[in-house]
Amino acid sequence: MSETFGSDFLTIEDEDGAVFELEVLGTFEHNDREYLAALPADMEETDPDFGIILLRVEEEDGEELYASIDDDDELDAVYQTYMQILMEEDDEEEE
């Protein structure tokens, strides 16, 4: 996962034109593809919809785009990979 200092924020617009601000947690690879993990920056942690957002990073015409993961199997596998990365980071911090 990429290491950054401080918080990075990303503003994205969905296909319906709704704009969201995300706090980027990091990027990681799964099956030779890059993914982004983020949290909604404009939502309270107590909101029932608050949680990790996983997006697939795609490149189109040299521009980085973020796509939702519509396939449930892919989303589950990407989530499992991200959770494994977090657990490994926790283990490294404990050592």
PDB file of N, CA and C in Angstrom:
ATOM      1  N   MET A   1       0.852  -1.164   0.000  1.00  0.00           N
ATOM      2  CA  MET A   1       0.000   0.000   0.000  1.00  0.00           C
ATOM      3  C   MET A   1       0.897   1.227   0.000  1.00  0.00           C
ATOM      4  N   SER A   2       0.443   2.272  -0.630  1.00  0.00           N
ATOM      5  CA  SER A   2       1.266   3.481  -0.677  1.00  0.00           C
ATOM      6  C   SER A   2       1.256   4.166   0.681  1.00  0.00           C
ATOM      7  N   GLU A   3       2.408   4.714   1.037  1.00  0.00           N
ATOM      8  CA  GLU A   3       2.491   5.424   2.311  1.00  0.00           C
ATOM      9  C   GLU A   3       2.461   6.909   2.043  1.00  0.00           C
ATOM     10  N   THR A   4       1.630   7.612   2.784  1.00  0.00           N
ATOM     11  CA  THR A   4       1.554   9.056   2.656  1.00  0.00           C
ATOM     12  C   THR A   4       1.566   9.656   4.048  1.00  0.00           C
ATOM     13  N   PHE A   5       1.925  10.914   4.114  1.00  0.00           N
ATOM     14  CA  PHE A   5       1.929  11.607   5.383  1.00  0.00           C
ATOM     15  C   PHE A   5       0.790  12.614   5.372  1.00  0.00           C
ATOM     16  N   GLY A   6      -0.054  12.571   6.393  1.00  0.00           N
ATOM     17  CA  GLY A   6      -1.224  13.435   6.427  1.00  0.00           C
ATOM     18  C   GLY A   6      -2.337  12.833   5.593  1.00  0.00           C
ATOM     19  N   SER A   7      -3.442  13.528   5.548  1.00  0.00           N
ATOM     20  CA  SER A   7      -4.596  13.028   4.812  1.00  0.00           C
ATOM     21  C   SER A   7      -4.614  13.576   3.392  1.00  0.00           C
ATOM     22  N   ASP A   8      -4.965  12.700   2.457  1.00  0.00           N
ATOM     23  CA  ASP A   8      -5.190  13.099   1.081  1.00  0.00           C
ATOM     24  C   ASP A   8      -6.685  13.037   0.832  1.00  0.00           C
ATOM     25  N   PHE A   9      -7.196  14.000   0.110  1.00  0.00           N
ATOM     26  CA  PHE A   9      -8.616  14.028  -0.206  1.00  0.00           C
ATOM     27  C   PHE A   9      -8.793  14.014  -1.713  1.00  0.00           C
ATOM     28  N   LEU A  10      -9.878  13.410  -2.129  1.00  0.00           N
ATOM     29  CA  LEU A  10     -10.185  13.247  -3.536  1.00  0.00           C
ATOM     30  C   LEU A  10     -11.652  13.581  -3.736  1.00  0.00           C
ATOM     31  N   THR A  11     -11.939  14.398  -4.721  1.00  0.00           N
ATOM     32  CA  THR A  11     -13.323  14.704  -5.056  1.00  0.00           C
ATOM     33  C   THR A  11     -13.681  13.951  -6.325  1.00  0.00           C
ATOM     34  N   ILE A  12     -14.750  13.169  -6.260  1.00  0.00           N
ATOM     35  CA  ILE A  12     -15.177  12.407  -7.429  1.00  0.00           C
ATOM     36  C   ILE A  12     -16.630  12.726  -7.749  1.00  0.00           C
ATOM     37  N   GLU A  13     -16.973  12.506  -8.997  1.00  0.00           N
ATOM     38  CA  GLU A  13     -18.345  12.717  -9.454  1.00  0.00           C
ATOM     39  C   GLU A  13     -18.840  11.406 -10.050  1.00  0.00           C
ATOM     40  N   ASP A  14     -20.027  10.963  -9.619  1.00  0.00           N
ATOM     41  CA  ASP A  14     -20.558   9.723 -10.171  1.00  0.00           C
ATOM     42  C   ASP A  14     -21.283   9.987 -11.487  1.00  0.00           C
ATOM     43  N   GLU A  15     -21.766   8.929 -12.107  1.00  0.00           N
ATOM     44  CA  GLU A  15     -22.412   9.068 -13.414  1.00  0.00           C
ATOM     45  C   GLU A  15     -23.711   9.869 -13.366  1.00  0.00           C
ATOM     46  N   ASP A  16     -24.262  10.057 -12.176  1.00  0.00           N
ATOM     47  CA  ASP A  16     -25.481  10.859 -12.018  1.00  0.00           C
ATOM     48  C   ASP A  16     -25.171  12.324 -11.733  1.00  0.00           C
ATOM     49  N   GLY A  17     -23.883  12.663 -11.633  1.00  0.00           N
ATOM     50  CA  GLY A  17     -23.483  14.041 -11.384  1.00  0.00           C
ATOM     51  C   GLY A  17     -23.336  14.397  -9.914  1.00  0.00           C
ATOM     52  N   ALA A  18     -23.563  13.437  -9.011  1.00  0.00           N
ATOM     53  CA  ALA A  18     -23.394  13.698  -7.582  1.00  0.00           C
ATOM     54  C   ALA A  18     -21.899  13.755  -7.265  1.00  0.00           C
ATOM     55  N   VAL A  19     -21.494  14.732  -6.446  1.00  0.00           N
ATOM     56  CA  VAL A  19     -20.092  14.939  -6.102  1.00  0.00           C
ATOM     57  C   VAL A  19     -19.856  14.449  -4.671  1.00  0.00           C
ATOM     58  N   PHE A  20     -18.761  13.700  -4.495  1.00  0.00           N
ATOM     59  CA  PHE A  20     -18.403  13.154  -3.196  1.00  0.00           C
ATOM     60  C   PHE A  20     -16.954  13.499  -2.887  1.00  0.00           C
ATOM     61  N   GLU A  21     -16.690  13.819  -1.625  1.00  0.00           N
ATOM     62  CA  GLU A  21     -15.313  14.024  -1.196  1.00  0.00           C
ATOM     63  C   GLU A  21     -14.905  12.818  -0.362  1.00  0.00           C
ATOM     64  N   LEU A  22     -13.748  12.246  -0.708  1.00  0.00           N
ATOM     65  CA  LEU A  22     -13.256  11.056  -0.035  1.00  0.00           C
ATOM     66  C   LEU A  22     -11.912  11.328   0.614  1.00  0.00           C
ATOM     67  N   GLU A  23     -11.710  10.731   1.772  1.00  0.00           N
ATOM     68  CA  GLU A  23     -10.395  10.742   2.402  1.00  0.00           C
ATOM     69  C   GLU A  23      -9.690   9.460   1.969  1.00  0.00           C
ATOM     70  N   VAL A  24      -8.606   9.600   1.252  1.00  0.00           N
ATOM     71  CA  VAL A  24      -7.898   8.458   0.701  1.00  0.00           C
ATOM     72  C   VAL A  24      -7.109   7.766   1.808  1.00  0.00           C
ATOM     73  N   LEU A  25      -7.361   6.463   1.956  1.00  0.00           N
ATOM     74  CA  LEU A  25      -6.617   5.661   2.919  1.00  0.00           C
ATOM     75  C   LEU A  25      -5.367   5.078   2.279  1.00  0.00           C
ATOM     76  N   GLY A  26      -5.432   4.797   0.988  1.00  0.00           N
ATOM     77  CA  GLY A  26      -4.272   4.267   0.282  1.00  0.00           C
ATOM     78  C   GLY A  26      -4.690   3.534  -0.974  1.00  0.00           C
ATOM     79  N   THR A  27      -3.683   3.120  -1.723  1.00  0.00           N
ATOM     80  CA  THR A  27      -3.905   2.311  -2.908  1.00  0.00           C
ATOM     81  C   THR A  27      -3.198   0.982  -2.714  1.00  0.00           C
ATOM     82  N   PHE A  28      -3.678  -0.030  -3.406  1.00  0.00           N
ATOM     83  CA  PHE A  28      -3.095  -1.366  -3.298  1.00  0.00           C
ATOM     84  C   PHE A  28      -3.413  -2.145  -4.562  1.00  0.00           C
ATOM     85  N   GLU A  29      -2.708  -3.265  -4.737  1.00  0.00           N
ATOM     86  CA  GLU A  29      -2.933  -4.101  -5.912  1.00  0.00           C
ATOM     87  C   GLU A  29      -3.618  -5.400  -5.529  1.00  0.00           C
ATOM     88  N   HIS A  30      -4.447  -5.865  -6.441  1.00  0.00           N
ATOM     89  CA  HIS A  30      -5.108  -7.156  -6.321  1.00  0.00           C
ATOM     90  C   HIS A  30      -5.235  -7.704  -7.736  1.00  0.00           C
ATOM     91  N   ASN A  31      -4.704  -8.895  -7.966  1.00  0.00           N
ATOM     92  CA  ASN A  31      -4.750  -9.527  -9.295  1.00  0.00           C
ATOM     93  C   ASN A  31      -4.261  -8.589 -10.393  1.00  0.00           C
ATOM     94  N   ASP A  32      -3.128  -7.961 -10.150  1.00  0.00           N
ATOM     95  CA  ASP A  32      -2.480  -7.067 -11.128  1.00  0.00           C
ATOM     96  C   ASP A  32      -3.306  -5.846 -11.507  1.00  0.00           C
ATOM     97  N   ARG A  33      -4.242  -5.475 -10.670  1.00  0.00           N
ATOM     98  CA  ARG A  33      -5.023  -4.247 -10.881  1.00  0.00           C
ATOM     99  C   ARG A  33      -4.850  -3.378  -9.651  1.00  0.00           C
ATOM    100  N   GLU A  34      -4.974  -2.075  -9.846  1.00  0.00           N
ATOM    101  CA  GLU A  34      -4.822  -1.132  -8.739  1.00  0.00           C
ATOM    102  C   GLU A  34      -6.194  -0.722  -8.214  1.00  0.00           C
ATOM    103  N   TYR A  35      -6.281  -0.616  -6.894  1.00  0.00           N
ATOM    104  CA  TYR A  35      -7.521  -0.223  -6.227  1.00  0.00           C
ATOM    105  C   TYR A  35      -7.228   0.888  -5.232  1.00  0.00           C
ATOM    106  N   LEU A  36      -8.252   1.633  -4.915  1.00  0.00           N
ATOM    107  CA  LEU A  36      -8.171   2.732  -3.964  1.00  0.00           C
ATOM    108  C   LEU A  36      -9.117   2.443  -2.807  1.00  0.00           C
ATOM    109  N   ALA A  37      -8.636   2.636  -1.595  1.00  0.00           N
ATOM    110  CA  ALA A  37      -9.472   2.524  -0.401  1.00  0.00           C
ATOM    111  C   ALA A  37      -9.645   3.931   0.160  1.00  0.00           C
ATOM    112  N   ALA A  38     -10.889   4.273   0.501  1.00  0.00           N
ATOM    113  CA  ALA A  38     -11.175   5.623   0.992  1.00  0.00           C
ATOM    114  C   ALA A  38     -12.337   5.585   1.977  1.00  0.00           C
ATOM    115  N   LEU A  39     -12.486   6.700   2.676  1.00  0.00           N
ATOM    116  CA  LEU A  39     -13.634   6.912   3.564  1.00  0.00           C
ATOM    117  C   LEU A  39     -14.356   8.168   3.109  1.00  0.00           C
ATOM    118  N   PRO A  40     -15.674   8.222   3.272  1.00  0.00           N
ATOM    119  CA  PRO A  40     -16.386   9.454   2.922  1.00  0.00           C
ATOM    120  C   PRO A  40     -15.969  10.580   3.868  1.00  0.00           C
ATOM    121  N   ALA A  41     -15.499  11.684   3.304  1.00  0.00           N
ATOM    122  CA  ALA A  41     -15.025  12.805   4.117  1.00  0.00           C
ATOM    123  C   ALA A  41     -16.165  13.700   4.559  1.00  0.00           C
ATOM    124  N   ASP A  42     -17.292  13.620   3.875  1.00  0.00           N
ATOM    125  CA  ASP A  42     -18.413  14.515   4.157  1.00  0.00           C
ATOM    126  C   ASP A  42     -19.559  13.791   4.869  1.00  0.00           C
ATOM    127  N   MET A  43     -19.224  12.742   5.618  1.00  0.00           N
ATOM    128  CA  MET A  43     -20.244  11.955   6.301  1.00  0.00           C
ATOM    129  C   MET A  43     -19.794  11.679   7.729  1.00  0.00           C
ATOM    130  N   GLU A  44     -20.714  11.729   8.648  1.00  0.00           N
ATOM    131  CA  GLU A  44     -20.410  11.430  10.042  1.00  0.00           C
ATOM    132  C   GLU A  44     -20.170   9.931  10.221  1.00  0.00           C
ATOM    133  N   GLU A  45     -19.248   9.579  11.099  1.00  0.00           N
ATOM    134  CA  GLU A  45     -18.956   8.174  11.360  1.00  0.00           C
ATOM    135  C   GLU A  45     -20.154   7.424  11.921  1.00  0.00           C
ATOM    136  N   THR A  46     -21.102   8.129  12.505  1.00  0.00           N
ATOM    137  CA  THR A  46     -22.292   7.489  13.065  1.00  0.00           C
ATOM    138  C   THR A  46     -23.352   7.206  12.010  1.00  0.00           C
ATOM    139  N   ASP A  47     -23.180   7.742  10.799  1.00  0.00           N
ATOM    140  CA  ASP A  47     -24.121   7.508   9.706  1.00  0.00           C
ATOM    141  C   ASP A  47     -24.073   6.026   9.332  1.00  0.00           C
ATOM    142  N   PRO A  48     -25.225   5.369   9.192  1.00  0.00           N
ATOM    143  CA  PRO A  48     -25.225   3.936   8.867  1.00  0.00           C
ATOM    144  C   PRO A  48     -24.575   3.614   7.518  1.00  0.00           C
ATOM    145  N   ASP A  49     -24.450   4.583   6.625  1.00  0.00           N
ATOM    146  CA  ASP A  49     -23.821   4.361   5.322  1.00  0.00           C
ATOM    147  C   ASP A  49     -22.311   4.596   5.343  1.00  0.00           C
ATOM    148  N   PHE A  50     -21.768   5.026   6.498  1.00  0.00           N
ATOM    149  CA  PHE A  50     -20.338   5.295   6.607  1.00  0.00           C
ATOM    150  C   PHE A  50     -19.567   3.980   6.551  1.00  0.00           C
ATOM    151  N   GLY A  51     -18.500   3.941   5.787  1.00  0.00           N
ATOM    152  CA  GLY A  51     -17.659   2.750   5.717  1.00  0.00           C
ATOM    153  C   GLY A  51     -16.627   2.895   4.624  1.00  0.00           C
ATOM    154  N   ILE A  52     -15.780   1.896   4.518  1.00  0.00           N
ATOM    155  CA  ILE A  52     -14.713   1.906   3.518  1.00  0.00           C
ATOM    156  C   ILE A  52     -15.317   1.823   2.121  1.00  0.00           C
ATOM    157  N   ILE A  53     -14.786   2.648   1.247  1.00  0.00           N
ATOM    158  CA  ILE A  53     -15.182   2.647  -0.157  1.00  0.00           C
ATOM    159  C   ILE A  53     -13.999   2.112  -0.953  1.00  0.00           C
ATOM    160  N   LEU A  54     -14.248   1.105  -1.759  1.00  0.00           N
ATOM    161  CA  LEU A  54     -13.214   0.524  -2.602  1.00  0.00           C
ATOM    162  C   LEU A  54     -13.543   0.834  -4.052  1.00  0.00           C
ATOM    163  N   LEU A  55     -12.573   1.399  -4.761  1.00  0.00           N
ATOM    164  CA  LEU A  55     -12.755   1.751  -6.164  1.00  0.00           C
ATOM    165  C   LEU A  55     -11.615   1.160  -6.980  1.00  0.00           C
ATOM    166  N   ARG A  56     -11.926   0.765  -8.205  1.00  0.00           N
ATOM    167  CA  ARG A  56     -10.895   0.275  -9.126  1.00  0.00           C
ATOM    168  C   ARG A  56     -10.282   1.474  -9.834  1.00  0.00           C
ATOM    169  N   VAL A  57      -8.954   1.534  -9.892  1.00  0.00           N
ATOM    170  CA  VAL A  57      -8.252   2.611 -10.571  1.00  0.00           C
ATOM    171  C   VAL A  57      -8.044   2.177 -12.019  1.00  0.00           C
ATOM    172  N   GLU A  58      -8.516   2.995 -12.942  1.00  0.00           N
ATOM    173  CA  GLU A  58      -8.377   2.710 -14.368  1.00  0.00           C
ATOM    174  C   GLU A  58      -7.733   3.903 -15.044  1.00  0.00           C
ATOM    175  N   GLU A  59      -7.077   3.634 -16.143  1.00  0.00           N
ATOM    176  CA  GLU A  59      -6.459   4.717 -16.900  1.00  0.00           C
ATOM    177  C   GLU A  59      -7.114   4.784 -18.270  1.00  0.00           C
ATOM    178  N   GLU A  60      -7.505   5.994 -18.637  1.00  0.00           N
ATOM    179  CA  GLU A  60      -8.135   6.222 -19.930  1.00  0.00           C
ATOM    180  C   GLU A  60      -7.559   7.493 -20.523  1.00  0.00           C
ATOM    181  N   ASP A  61      -6.958   7.383 -21.695  1.00  0.00           N
ATOM    182  CA  ASP A  61      -6.323   8.522 -22.369  1.00  0.00           C
ATOM    183  C   ASP A  61      -5.308   9.223 -21.461  1.00  0.00           C
ATOM    184  N   GLY A  62      -4.556   8.429 -20.689  1.00  0.00           N
ATOM    185  CA  GLY A  62      -3.541   8.979 -19.811  1.00  0.00           C
ATOM    186  C   GLY A  62      -4.072   9.600 -18.539  1.00  0.00           C
ATOM    187  N   GLU A  63      -5.370   9.512 -18.325  1.00  0.00           N
ATOM    188  CA  GLU A  63      -5.999  10.099 -17.135  1.00  0.00           C
ATOM    189  C   GLU A  63      -6.429   8.990 -16.183  1.00  0.00           C
ATOM    190  N   GLU A  64      -6.179   9.196 -14.892  1.00  0.00           N
ATOM    191  CA  GLU A  64      -6.569   8.229 -13.877  1.00  0.00           C
ATOM    192  C   GLU A  64      -8.046   8.413 -13.543  1.00  0.00           C
ATOM    193  N   LEU A  65      -8.814   7.309 -13.661  1.00  0.00           N
ATOM    194  CA  LEU A  65     -10.245   7.332 -13.354  1.00  0.00           C
ATOM    195  C   LEU A  65     -10.523   6.314 -12.266  1.00  0.00           C
ATOM    196  N   TYR A  66     -11.600   6.521 -11.531  1.00  0.00           N
ATOM    197  CA  TYR A  66     -11.986   5.632 -10.442  1.00  0.00           C
ATOM    198  C   TYR A  66     -13.343   5.037 -10.762  1.00  0.00           C
ATOM    199  N   ALA A  67     -13.399   3.707 -10.776  1.00  0.00           N
ATOM    200  CA  ALA A  67     -14.628   3.012 -11.149  1.00  0.00           C
ATOM    201  C   ALA A  67     -15.152   2.217  -9.965  1.00  0.00           C
ATOM    202  N   SER A  68     -16.466   2.186  -9.830  1.00  0.00           N
ATOM    203  CA  SER A  68     -17.066   1.355  -8.795  1.00  0.00           C
ATOM    204  C   SER A  68     -16.881  -0.106  -9.180  1.00  0.00           C
ATOM    205  N   ILE A  69     -16.899  -0.964  -8.191  1.00  0.00           N
ATOM    206  CA  ILE A  69     -16.750  -2.398  -8.402  1.00  0.00           C
ATOM    207  C   ILE A  69     -18.139  -2.998  -8.334  1.00  0.00           C
ATOM    208  N   ASP A  70     -18.694  -3.316  -9.483  1.00  0.00           N
ATOM    209  CA  ASP A  70     -20.080  -3.789  -9.547  1.00  0.00           C
ATOM    210  C   ASP A  70     -20.213  -5.298  -9.357  1.00  0.00           C
ATOM    211  N   ASP A  71     -19.149  -6.037  -9.621  1.00  0.00           N
ATOM    212  CA  ASP A  71     -19.187  -7.487  -9.483  1.00  0.00           C
ATOM    213  C   ASP A  71     -18.975  -7.862  -8.013  1.00  0.00           C
ATOM    214  N   ASP A  72     -19.937  -8.552  -7.414  1.00  0.00           N
ATOM    215  CA  ASP A  72     -19.869  -8.894  -5.985  1.00  0.00           C
ATOM    216  C   ASP A  72     -18.661  -9.770  -5.654  1.00  0.00           C
ATOM    217  N   ASP A  73     -18.320 -10.704  -6.541  1.00  0.00           N
ATOM    218  CA  ASP A  73     -17.172 -11.572  -6.285  1.00  0.00           C
ATOM    219  C   ASP A  73     -15.868 -10.774  -6.290  1.00  0.00           C
ATOM    220  N   GLU A  74     -15.734  -9.857  -7.252  1.00  0.00           N
ATOM    221  CA  GLU A  74     -14.543  -9.016  -7.305  1.00  0.00           C
ATOM    222  C   GLU A  74     -14.476  -8.123  -6.064  1.00  0.00           C
ATOM    223  N   LEU A  75     -15.604  -7.525  -5.694  1.00  0.00           N
ATOM    224  CA  LEU A  75     -15.636  -6.646  -4.528  1.00  0.00           C
ATOM    225  C   LEU A  75     -15.243  -7.404  -3.265  1.00  0.00           C
ATOM    226  N   ASP A  76     -15.763  -8.614  -3.103  1.00  0.00           N
ATOM    227  CA  ASP A  76     -15.430  -9.413  -1.923  1.00  0.00           C
ATOM    228  C   ASP A  76     -13.946  -9.754  -1.903  1.00  0.00           C
ATOM    229  N   ALA A  77     -13.388 -10.130  -3.049  1.00  0.00           N
ATOM    230  CA  ALA A  77     -11.969 -10.484  -3.115  1.00  0.00           C
ATOM    231  C   ALA A  77     -11.087  -9.264  -2.829  1.00  0.00           C
ATOM    232  N   VAL A  78     -11.454  -8.121  -3.370  1.00  0.00           N
ATOM    233  CA  VAL A  78     -10.695  -6.888  -3.141  1.00  0.00           C
ATOM    234  C   VAL A  78     -10.773  -6.493  -1.666  1.00  0.00           C
ATOM    235  N   TYR A  79     -11.948  -6.617  -1.077  1.00  0.00           N
ATOM    236  CA  TYR A  79     -12.123  -6.306   0.341  1.00  0.00           C
ATOM    237  C   TYR A  79     -11.242  -7.221   1.200  1.00  0.00           C
ATOM    238  N   GLN A  80     -11.236  -8.515   0.886  1.00  0.00           N
ATOM    239  CA  GLN A  80     -10.418  -9.466   1.645  1.00  0.00           C
ATOM    240  C   GLN A  80      -8.931  -9.118   1.530  1.00  0.00           C
ATOM    241  N   THR A  81      -8.503  -8.732   0.325  1.00  0.00           N
ATOM    242  CA  THR A  81      -7.108  -8.325   0.131  1.00  0.00           C
ATOM    243  C   THR A  81      -6.787  -7.102   0.975  1.00  0.00           C
ATOM    244  N   TYR A  82      -7.683  -6.116   0.984  1.00  0.00           N
ATOM    245  CA  TYR A  82      -7.441  -4.896   1.761  1.00  0.00           C
ATOM    246  C   TYR A  82      -7.398  -5.202   3.261  1.00  0.00           C
ATOM    247  N   MET A  83      -8.289  -6.054   3.737  1.00  0.00           N
ATOM    248  CA  MET A  83      -8.284  -6.418   5.157  1.00  0.00           C
ATOM    249  C   MET A  83      -6.990  -7.148   5.520  1.00  0.00           C
ATOM    250  N   GLN A  84      -6.493  -7.999   4.621  1.00  0.00           N
ATOM    251  CA  GLN A  84      -5.230  -8.701   4.859  1.00  0.00           C
ATOM    252  C   GLN A  84      -4.077  -7.711   4.968  1.00  0.00           C
ATOM    253  N   ILE A  85      -4.069  -6.717   4.094  1.00  0.00           N
ATOM    254  CA  ILE A  85      -3.030  -5.683   4.132  1.00  0.00           C
ATOM    255  C   ILE A  85      -3.076  -4.940   5.463  1.00  0.00           C
ATOM    256  N   LEU A  86      -4.273  -4.587   5.914  1.00  0.00           N
ATOM    257  CA  LEU A  86      -4.409  -3.883   7.196  1.00  0.00           C
ATOM    258  C   LEU A  86      -3.909  -4.738   8.357  1.00  0.00           C
ATOM    259  N   MET A  87      -4.238  -6.032   8.333  1.00  0.00           N
ATOM    260  CA  MET A  87      -3.790  -6.919   9.411  1.00  0.00           C
ATOM    261  C   MET A  87      -2.269  -7.050   9.399  1.00  0.00           C
ATOM    262  N   GLU A  88      -1.660  -7.131   8.214  1.00  0.00           N
ATOM    263  CA  GLU A  88      -0.206  -7.213   8.124  1.00  0.00           C
ATOM    264  C   GLU A  88       0.448  -5.930   8.638  1.00  0.00           C
ATOM    265  N   GLU A  89      -0.152  -4.771   8.324  1.00  0.00           N
ATOM    266  CA  GLU A  89       0.384  -3.513   8.825  1.00  0.00           C
ATOM    267  C   GLU A  89       0.290  -3.449  10.340  1.00  0.00           C
ATOM    268  N   ASP A  90      -0.824  -3.935  10.913  1.00  0.00           N
ATOM    269  CA  ASP A  90      -0.970  -3.963  12.372  1.00  0.00           C
ATOM    270  C   ASP A  90       0.102  -4.868  13.001  1.00  0.00           C
ATOM    271  N   ASP A  91       0.348  -6.017  12.377  1.00  0.00           N
ATOM    272  CA  ASP A  91       1.360  -6.921  12.893  1.00  0.00           C
ATOM    273  C   ASP A  91       2.741  -6.282  12.873  1.00  0.00           C
ATOM    274  N   GLU A  92       3.060  -5.546  11.804  1.00  0.00           N
ATOM    275  CA  GLU A  92       4.351  -4.887  11.698  1.00  0.00           C
ATOM    276  C   GLU A  92       4.509  -3.803  12.755  1.00  0.00           C
ATOM    277  N   GLU A  93       3.422  -3.083  13.045  1.00  0.00           N
ATOM    278  CA  GLU A  93       3.474  -2.027  14.065  1.00  0.00           C
ATOM    279  C   GLU A  93       3.684  -2.603  15.454  1.00  0.00           C
ATOM    280  N   GLU A  94       3.152  -3.799  15.711  1.00  0.00           N
ATOM    281  CA  GLU A  94       3.285  -4.426  17.024  1.00  0.00           C
ATOM    282  C   GLU A  94       4.694  -4.934  17.275  1.00  0.00           C
ATOM    283  N   GLU A  95       5.448  -5.192  16.219  1.00  0.00           N
ATOM    284  CA  GLU A  95       6.798  -5.744  16.382  1.00  0.00           C
ATOM    285  C   GLU A  95       7.790  -4.722  16.793  1.00  0.00           C
TER     286      GLU A  95
END
